[in-house]
Structures are given as C-alpha cells and as structure tokens.
C-alpha cells in the first residue's frame, strides 16, 4: 500500500508540480477557479463589467480614427515606428497633458502607454488596399506537405474572419466597445499595446513592440525577397488610440503581449516590450519581481517549408516569471522562467511568444 501511495505521489509530482513549488501550483489553481467563476457569472447573469473600461481614455473623437505615416524597414532591429500628424496635439487627453506639464522639463520627450486598435490596411483613393495582417498571418501559418500542396494551419489567427485576429482579451473587448462608432474598416481588427512618445510641438510617435515589429518584419523581408511586396508599399494608416490612464495603477490587471524569447544556459528568458516601463510609472513594479504568465503561441522564423513558422499551445502553459536585476541592482525589462513548465516543449533557441502576463 505504501509503495502504491509513493508511486501515485511521484506521478502527481511530475505531472502537476512541474514548477517544484507547491505554493505556486496552488496559486495557479486559484487563478483557474477565478476564471471559471467569471465564466459562470457570465453564463448566469450576462457579461461582467469589463475591468479595462475604467483605464481607457480615447484620443479625440472615438468615431474619427487617427492617421499616421508608417514606413516598413525590414532590417530595422529597433522596431516599427508610426509618425502621427501634429494635428493630434490638440487631441491629447487632459490626463496625458497634466502628466507632461507636471514634470520639471515639460519640453522634453514624454513616453506613455496606449492601446491601439487597427488593421494593417492602407487607404488609397477612398478604398482599402493591401490587407497586410492577413498576408503576414498566412506567411507565419503556411507549410508545404510531402505532396507539395500548400496548407494553412487552422489556428486562432485564421484569416477568414476579422474576429479571428482578436485575442479575445478584456482589453480587446473594451477597445471594441469604446470605438464601436469608429469609421475604421471593421475586418481583421487587432488591438495591441504600444509606447507613445510625445514631444510638444515636434512629434507624436507610436512605437510597436519588438515582438509585433519582428512578426511583420520577418514576413516583409521574405516578401520583398520574393518580389511579392514593394519596399515602398505602406504609407498612411488609420487606427483608434486610447491612452491607458497614467493616474491609475494597473497592478493585478491581465495584459497580453507579443514578446521575444531566448533559451540558453541560464534558462528561458523573455524581453519585455518597451511600453512596460511607462506602464509601470511611479515605479509601482520596482518591488515586484514575480509575475504569472501564460504562453499561448510560439513563433519561429526558419527556412524549412515543411514546418509552419508558428504553432498554438492548447490551453497555454502558465508559469512563474522572475523579473531579473541588472548590474546596478535595478530591475531589467526581462523575465526568466522560474519553473520547468517548458521542459517538454521543443522550443527553438530564439523566437517570439504570445504571453498573457498578470501584472
């Protein structure tokens, strides 16, 4: 009997306690229970209030999207930048202007965190051209079988319906509700978080995360090489922008992001997006080093036509992530996986994740 008990305990330890930390596994179960309770409440009494609704402040009139100039540079490792018209200086939310002018030198550049809702389609002569998001998705999901037929993976990013590009997060739904009257073309819409840099009278710029930038740049580099896309293809784009209120703490909120990762001798590491620092304004995360995060999709750029360049992890993998300290003792914009949750996953040496982080 004791042998059987010991054997069962060993099986449960290897199967359910990959992190090797009982408290961590209990916390994971609490998160799952909370998710189930939320789902039950929705089924019984309708949708629960969206937690992100109180954080979002639209730029200007929600029915009129912003526009910006976007130049694709496939080899630019710094990421994609969208230059917005200076006319939008007058549309900056009061909360953002207050943050700018309360600084000692308000004329210096200011960085904040915004949610951006758009589809990568260029508007030309009143009509939308070049559905870039769908083309990029096809490139990341296509593969060739042994019979040389080209297939596209059935994934949560199927290009057939615009809803498929949604990450179905609370933030995505809050943005859809806020901009339901937007004239933005309502197909293949995606919401992502970006860093916005503002220098009064000089520029307003949107900085896509390196994860999203490289997702598009890898595809663009190959498309240019194959002569499928011209280098000067994109131009002016429309998008809906909402500031994430800098006066409210986001601790405890859930945030989805596309991040770069690397594997090596010091374990699995992910690079946090540039918007994470302004999001954690007033150093509210300086004392917090541990985060729970769930990985749902893996991206790997390679030249093997027999394998798709991305794949989805069913139900995702939840792990505990440690925010690392730098040489001077300050927390870096980098996370390291604490447990062994990914030990059975054939990860490449580097690539990108879709990561849902509990702030």
Protein backbone atom coordinates (compact mmCIF):
# COMPACT_ATOMS: atom_id res chain seq x y z
CA UNK A 1 0.00 0.00 0.00
CA UNK A 2 2.80 2.37 0.90
CA UNK A 3 4.50 1.60 -2.44
CA UNK A 4 1.33 2.47 -4.34
CA UNK A 5 0.93 5.71 -2.40
CA UNK A 6 4.53 6.64 -3.09
CA UNK A 7 4.13 5.84 -6.78
CA UNK A 8 0.96 7.95 -7.03
CA UNK A 9 2.70 10.83 -5.29
CA UNK A 10 5.59 10.63 -7.72
CA UNK A 11 3.22 10.66 -10.70
CA UNK A 12 1.32 13.66 -9.33
CA UNK A 13 4.59 15.45 -8.63
CA UNK A 14 5.87 15.02 -12.17
CA UNK A 15 2.58 15.75 -13.84
CA UNK A 16 1.12 18.52 -11.74
CA UNK A 17 4.09 20.06 -9.94
CA UNK A 18 6.43 20.87 -12.80
CA UNK A 19 7.43 24.07 -11.06
CA UNK A 20 8.52 22.13 -7.98
CA UNK A 21 6.76 24.77 -5.89
CA UNK A 22 3.55 23.74 -4.13
CA UNK A 23 2.51 27.33 -3.32
CA UNK A 24 2.92 28.31 -6.96
CA UNK A 25 0.73 25.42 -8.10
CA UNK A 26 -1.94 26.40 -5.56
CA UNK A 27 -1.86 29.97 -6.89
CA UNK A 28 -2.36 28.61 -10.40
CA UNK A 29 -5.41 26.67 -9.24
CA UNK A 30 -6.81 29.82 -7.63
CA UNK A 31 -6.41 31.65 -10.95
CA UNK A 32 -8.24 28.87 -12.78
CA UNK A 33 -11.02 28.92 -10.20
CA UNK A 34 -11.38 32.70 -10.60
CA UNK A 35 -11.56 32.27 -14.37
CA UNK A 36 -14.25 29.60 -14.02
CA UNK A 37 -16.23 31.74 -11.58
CA UNK A 38 -16.11 34.64 -14.04
CA UNK A 39 -17.32 32.39 -16.84
CA UNK A 40 -20.18 31.02 -14.67
CA UNK A 41 -21.25 34.56 -13.75
CA UNK A 42 -21.33 35.49 -17.42
CA UNK A 43 -23.48 32.48 -18.26
CA UNK A 44 -25.88 33.13 -15.40
CA UNK A 45 -26.25 36.89 -15.48
CA UNK A 46 -24.67 38.27 -18.61
CA UNK A 47 -21.24 39.79 -19.09
CA UNK A 48 -19.42 41.05 -16.02
CA UNK A 49 -18.17 44.68 -16.07
CA UNK A 50 -15.03 44.98 -18.18
CA UNK A 51 -12.12 45.88 -15.86
CA UNK A 52 -10.26 47.73 -18.62
CA UNK A 53 -13.08 50.17 -19.35
CA UNK A 54 -12.09 52.46 -16.47
CA UNK A 55 -8.49 52.74 -17.71
CA UNK A 56 -9.03 53.81 -21.33
CA UNK A 57 -9.21 57.44 -22.49
CA UNK A 58 -9.84 57.97 -26.22
CA UNK A 59 -7.75 60.39 -28.25
CA UNK A 60 -10.15 62.93 -29.73
CA UNK A 61 -13.47 61.79 -31.16
CA UNK A 62 -13.88 57.97 -30.89
CA UNK A 63 -15.73 57.92 -34.21
CA UNK A 64 -12.76 59.51 -36.06
CA UNK A 65 -9.60 57.35 -36.23
CA UNK A 66 -6.12 58.83 -36.07
CA UNK A 67 -3.78 58.54 -39.05
CA UNK A 68 -0.03 58.12 -39.27
CA UNK A 69 2.80 57.54 -41.69
CA UNK A 70 4.31 54.09 -41.50
CA UNK A 71 7.44 53.16 -43.42
CA UNK A 72 8.40 49.48 -43.40
CA UNK A 73 12.09 48.86 -42.90
CA UNK A 74 12.51 45.08 -42.73
CA UNK A 75 16.11 45.27 -41.48
CA UNK A 76 15.37 47.77 -38.69
CA UNK A 77 16.04 45.89 -35.44
CA UNK A 78 14.78 48.79 -33.33
CA UNK A 79 11.17 48.10 -34.27
CA UNK A 80 8.47 49.82 -36.30
CA UNK A 81 7.60 53.47 -35.62
CA UNK A 82 4.46 55.27 -36.83
CA UNK A 83 4.68 59.06 -37.11
CA UNK A 84 1.32 60.69 -36.33
CA UNK A 85 0.18 64.07 -37.58
CA UNK A 86 0.98 67.04 -35.33
CA UNK A 87 -2.70 67.99 -35.61
CA UNK A 88 -3.35 65.42 -32.89
CA UNK A 89 -1.51 67.55 -30.34
CA UNK A 90 -4.88 69.19 -29.73
CA UNK A 91 -6.49 65.76 -29.13
CA UNK A 92 -4.14 64.64 -26.36
CA UNK A 93 -6.21 63.66 -23.30
CA UNK A 94 -6.12 66.02 -20.33
CA UNK A 95 -4.65 63.29 -18.14
CA UNK A 96 -1.68 62.97 -20.52
CA UNK A 97 -1.16 66.74 -20.77
CA UNK A 98 -1.21 67.02 -16.98
CA UNK A 99 1.49 64.35 -16.74
CA UNK A 100 3.62 66.18 -19.31
CA UNK A 101 3.40 69.59 -17.61
CA UNK A 102 3.88 68.37 -14.07
CA UNK A 103 7.45 67.39 -14.95
CA UNK A 104 10.36 69.73 -14.30
CA UNK A 105 11.11 69.98 -18.04
CA UNK A 106 7.83 69.56 -19.96
CA UNK A 107 9.52 70.40 -23.25
CA UNK A 108 11.44 67.12 -23.12
CA UNK A 109 10.10 63.96 -24.75
CA UNK A 110 7.48 62.08 -22.74
CA UNK A 111 6.63 58.37 -23.03
CA UNK A 112 3.28 56.84 -22.17
CA UNK A 113 1.42 53.59 -22.76
CA UNK A 114 -1.51 53.39 -25.18
CA UNK A 115 -3.82 50.76 -26.63
CA UNK A 116 -4.02 50.84 -30.43
CA UNK A 117 -6.78 49.21 -32.45
CA UNK A 118 -6.24 48.85 -36.17
CA UNK A 119 -5.97 46.58 -39.13
CA UNK A 120 -2.96 46.84 -41.36
CA UNK A 121 -4.70 48.15 -44.45
CA UNK A 122 -3.61 51.17 -46.42
CA UNK A 123 -6.36 53.55 -47.51
CA UNK A 124 -5.83 54.78 -51.04
CA UNK A 125 -8.31 56.88 -53.05
CA UNK A 126 -11.11 56.04 -50.62
CA UNK A 127 -10.56 52.27 -50.78
CA UNK A 128 -8.57 49.96 -48.52
CA UNK A 129 -5.65 48.20 -50.17
CA UNK A 130 -3.17 45.52 -49.14
CA UNK A 131 -4.54 43.53 -46.20
CA UNK A 132 -1.10 43.19 -44.65
CA UNK A 133 -2.18 41.47 -41.44
CA UNK A 134 -3.80 38.64 -43.37
CA UNK A 135 -0.78 38.30 -45.64
CA UNK A 136 1.58 38.18 -42.67
CA UNK A 137 -0.62 35.61 -40.91
CA UNK A 138 -0.65 33.40 -43.99
CA UNK A 139 3.16 33.51 -44.13
CA UNK A 140 3.52 32.51 -40.46
CA UNK A 141 0.99 29.65 -40.66
CA UNK A 142 1.59 28.18 -44.14
CA UNK A 143 3.51 24.96 -44.68
CA UNK A 144 4.09 22.50 -47.53
CA UNK A 145 3.30 18.81 -47.11
CA UNK A 146 5.20 15.93 -48.68
CA UNK A 147 2.88 16.04 -51.71
CA UNK A 148 3.90 19.71 -52.26
CA UNK A 149 0.41 21.01 -51.53
CA UNK A 150 0.40 24.28 -49.60
CA UNK A 151 -1.64 24.29 -46.39
CA UNK A 152 -2.51 26.92 -43.82
CA UNK A 153 -2.70 25.90 -40.18
CA UNK A 154 -6.09 26.05 -38.50
CA UNK A 155 -5.27 28.38 -35.65
CA UNK A 156 -6.79 31.12 -33.56
CA UNK A 157 -5.37 33.51 -36.15
CA UNK A 158 -7.24 32.13 -39.15
CA UNK A 159 -7.58 34.88 -41.80
CA UNK A 160 -11.20 34.03 -42.65
CA UNK A 161 -12.97 36.24 -40.09
CA UNK A 162 -11.90 39.51 -38.54
CA UNK A 163 -12.79 38.19 -35.07
CA UNK A 164 -10.08 35.59 -35.51
CA UNK A 165 -7.42 38.28 -35.23
CA UNK A 166 -8.81 39.33 -31.86
CA UNK A 167 -7.03 37.93 -28.81
CA UNK A 168 -10.43 37.89 -27.05
CA UNK A 169 -8.92 39.72 -24.07
CA UNK A 170 -10.73 42.17 -21.81
CA UNK A 171 -8.60 44.95 -23.32
CA UNK A 172 -9.60 43.99 -26.87
CA UNK A 173 -13.30 43.96 -25.94
CA UNK A 174 -13.03 47.30 -24.10
CA UNK A 175 -11.43 48.87 -27.19
CA UNK A 176 -14.11 47.39 -29.48
CA UNK A 177 -16.84 48.85 -27.26
CA UNK A 178 -15.22 52.27 -26.99
CA UNK A 179 -14.71 52.57 -30.75
CA UNK A 180 -17.87 50.84 -31.96
CA UNK A 181 -18.78 54.00 -33.93
CA UNK A 182 -15.33 54.28 -35.49
CA UNK A 183 -15.18 54.53 -39.27
CA UNK A 184 -12.26 52.13 -39.21
CA UNK A 185 -12.80 49.25 -41.58
CA UNK A 186 -14.19 46.52 -39.31
CA UNK A 187 -12.35 43.47 -40.58
CA UNK A 188 -9.17 41.82 -39.32
CA UNK A 189 -9.01 44.32 -36.47
CA UNK A 190 -6.31 43.73 -33.87
CA UNK A 191 -5.58 45.55 -30.61
CA UNK A 192 -2.05 45.85 -29.30
CA UNK A 193 -0.36 47.92 -26.62
CA UNK A 194 2.29 50.39 -27.80
CA UNK A 195 4.57 53.02 -26.37
CA UNK A 196 3.73 56.55 -27.48
CA UNK A 197 6.43 59.21 -27.38
CA UNK A 198 5.38 62.85 -27.39
CA UNK A 199 7.48 65.99 -27.75
CA UNK A 200 5.25 69.06 -27.67
CA UNK A 201 5.26 70.88 -31.00
CA UNK A 202 7.66 68.35 -32.54
CA UNK A 203 6.25 64.84 -32.87
CA UNK A 204 3.81 62.15 -31.76
CA UNK A 205 5.11 58.63 -32.43
CA UNK A 206 3.76 55.15 -31.89
CA UNK A 207 6.41 52.51 -31.19
CA UNK A 208 5.30 48.95 -31.88
CA UNK A 209 6.81 46.34 -29.57
CA UNK A 210 9.74 44.39 -30.94
CA UNK A 211 7.59 41.26 -30.86
CA UNK A 212 4.94 42.75 -33.18
CA UNK A 213 7.59 44.60 -35.23
CA UNK A 214 9.60 41.47 -35.91
CA UNK A 215 6.41 39.50 -36.61
CA UNK A 216 5.81 41.89 -39.50
CA UNK A 217 9.45 42.49 -40.46
CA UNK A 218 10.31 38.78 -40.86
CA UNK A 219 7.38 38.40 -43.23
CA UNK A 220 8.20 41.65 -45.05
CA UNK A 221 11.85 40.66 -45.54
CA UNK A 222 10.83 37.40 -47.21
CA UNK A 223 8.05 39.08 -49.21
CA UNK A 224 10.48 41.67 -50.58
CA UNK A 225 12.99 38.93 -51.39
CA UNK A 226 10.32 37.02 -53.31
CA UNK A 227 9.15 40.24 -55.03
CA UNK A 228 5.68 39.86 -53.50
CA UNK A 229 5.78 43.31 -51.90
CA UNK A 230 7.38 46.59 -52.89
CA UNK A 231 9.69 48.29 -50.42
CA UNK A 232 7.60 51.48 -50.51
CA UNK A 233 4.26 49.67 -50.16
CA UNK A 234 2.79 51.07 -46.91
CA UNK A 235 2.00 54.71 -46.39
CA UNK A 236 -0.76 56.34 -44.34
CA UNK A 237 -2.81 54.17 -41.99
CA UNK A 238 -5.81 54.76 -39.76
CA UNK A 239 -6.13 53.44 -36.22
CA UNK A 240 -8.02 54.02 -32.99
CA UNK A 241 -5.93 55.07 -29.98
CA UNK A 242 -6.80 55.15 -26.29
CA UNK A 243 -4.45 56.25 -23.52
CA UNK A 244 -4.10 53.96 -20.53
CA UNK A 245 -4.82 56.36 -17.66
CA UNK A 246 -1.46 57.19 -16.03
CA UNK A 247 -3.18 58.07 -12.74
CA UNK A 248 -4.49 54.55 -12.11
CA UNK A 249 -2.44 51.58 -11.00
CA UNK A 250 -2.63 48.59 -13.35
CA UNK A 251 -1.31 46.11 -10.81
CA UNK A 252 -3.47 43.00 -10.82
CA UNK A 253 -4.64 43.52 -14.39
CA UNK A 254 -4.04 40.97 -17.14
CA UNK A 255 -2.11 42.10 -20.22
CA UNK A 256 -1.46 40.18 -23.46
CA UNK A 257 1.72 40.90 -25.38
CA UNK A 258 3.90 39.52 -28.16
CA UNK A 259 7.44 39.18 -26.85
CA UNK A 260 10.85 37.92 -27.94
CA UNK A 261 12.36 34.96 -26.10
CA UNK A 262 15.68 33.13 -25.91
CA UNK A 263 16.72 29.80 -24.44
CA UNK A 264 20.19 29.05 -23.14
CA UNK A 265 22.34 28.06 -20.21
CA UNK A 266 20.56 30.48 -17.89
CA UNK A 267 17.12 29.19 -18.85
CA UNK A 268 14.17 30.62 -20.77
CA UNK A 269 14.13 34.42 -20.93
CA UNK A 270 11.69 36.90 -22.46
CA UNK A 271 12.32 40.54 -23.28
CA UNK A 272 9.51 42.79 -22.06
CA UNK A 273 8.17 45.38 -24.55
CA UNK A 274 9.34 48.99 -24.36
CA UNK A 275 5.86 50.05 -23.18
CA UNK A 276 6.23 48.05 -19.95
CA UNK A 277 8.40 50.73 -18.36
CA UNK A 278 5.97 53.65 -18.87
CA UNK A 279 3.12 51.34 -17.91
CA UNK A 280 4.79 50.75 -14.54
CA UNK A 281 5.08 54.53 -13.95
CA UNK A 282 5.94 55.83 -10.49
CA UNK A 283 7.98 52.63 -10.05
CA UNK A 284 4.93 50.70 -8.91
CA UNK A 285 6.59 47.44 -10.01
CA UNK A 286 10.04 48.20 -8.60
CA UNK A 287 9.37 45.98 -5.59
CA UNK A 288 7.59 43.27 -7.59
CA UNK A 289 9.81 40.70 -9.20
CA UNK A 290 7.49 37.72 -9.73
CA UNK A 291 4.69 37.52 -12.29
CA UNK A 292 2.41 34.77 -13.52
CA UNK A 293 2.25 34.49 -17.28
CA UNK A 294 0.61 32.12 -19.78
CA UNK A 295 2.19 31.36 -23.17
CA UNK A 296 -0.34 30.52 -25.88
CA UNK A 297 1.55 30.71 -29.17
CA UNK A 298 5.14 30.24 -30.37
CA UNK A 299 6.76 31.89 -33.42
CA UNK A 300 9.98 30.73 -35.04
CA UNK A 301 11.45 32.22 -38.23
CA UNK A 302 13.11 29.48 -40.29
CA UNK A 303 13.53 28.34 -43.91
CA UNK A 304 12.04 24.84 -43.70
CA UNK A 305 8.92 24.81 -45.93
CA UNK A 306 7.73 21.55 -44.31
CA UNK A 307 7.10 23.25 -40.97
CA UNK A 308 4.85 26.16 -40.11
CA UNK A 309 6.63 29.12 -38.57
CA UNK A 310 4.14 29.35 -35.67
CA UNK A 311 2.09 26.98 -33.58
CA UNK A 312 -0.50 27.24 -30.81
CA UNK A 313 -0.17 25.62 -27.38
CA UNK A 314 -3.53 24.11 -26.46
CA UNK A 315 -4.83 25.73 -23.25
CA UNK A 316 -1.50 27.55 -22.91
CA UNK A 317 1.32 26.99 -20.41
CA UNK A 318 1.20 29.02 -17.19
CA UNK A 319 4.48 29.64 -15.39
CA UNK A 320 6.03 31.89 -12.78
CA UNK A 321 8.38 34.51 -14.23
CA UNK A 322 11.12 36.34 -12.36
CA UNK A 323 11.96 39.92 -13.34
CA UNK A 324 15.72 40.00 -13.34
CA UNK A 325 18.02 42.56 -11.78
CA UNK A 326 20.73 44.34 -13.76
CA UNK A 327 24.34 45.03 -12.80
CA UNK A 328 23.37 48.15 -10.82
CA UNK A 329 20.59 46.41 -8.91
CA UNK A 330 17.74 47.89 -10.97
CA UNK A 331 15.07 45.58 -12.36
CA UNK A 332 15.53 44.92 -16.07
CA UNK A 333 12.81 44.72 -18.71
CA UNK A 334 13.41 40.99 -18.88
CA UNK A 335 11.76 37.93 -17.35
CA UNK A 336 13.16 34.46 -16.66
CA UNK A 337 11.01 31.35 -16.26
CA UNK A 338 11.32 30.05 -12.69
CA UNK A 339 9.97 26.50 -13.09
CA UNK A 340 10.25 23.61 -15.55
CA UNK A 341 6.92 24.04 -17.33
CA UNK A 342 8.58 24.26 -20.77
CA UNK A 343 10.93 21.31 -20.31
CA UNK A 344 8.79 19.09 -22.57
CA UNK A 345 8.26 21.75 -25.26
CA UNK A 346 10.66 21.71 -28.28
CA UNK A 347 11.42 25.44 -28.21
CA UNK A 348 13.90 26.98 -30.67
CA UNK A 349 16.91 28.89 -29.34
CA UNK A 350 15.09 32.15 -30.04
CA UNK A 351 11.72 33.30 -31.31
CA UNK A 352 8.56 35.02 -30.10
CA UNK A 353 5.75 34.20 -27.68
CA UNK A 354 2.20 35.36 -27.22
CA UNK A 355 2.29 35.91 -23.47
CA UNK A 356 -0.56 36.85 -21.12
CA UNK A 357 1.01 38.44 -18.05
CA UNK A 358 -0.71 39.03 -14.72
CA UNK A 359 0.58 42.44 -13.64
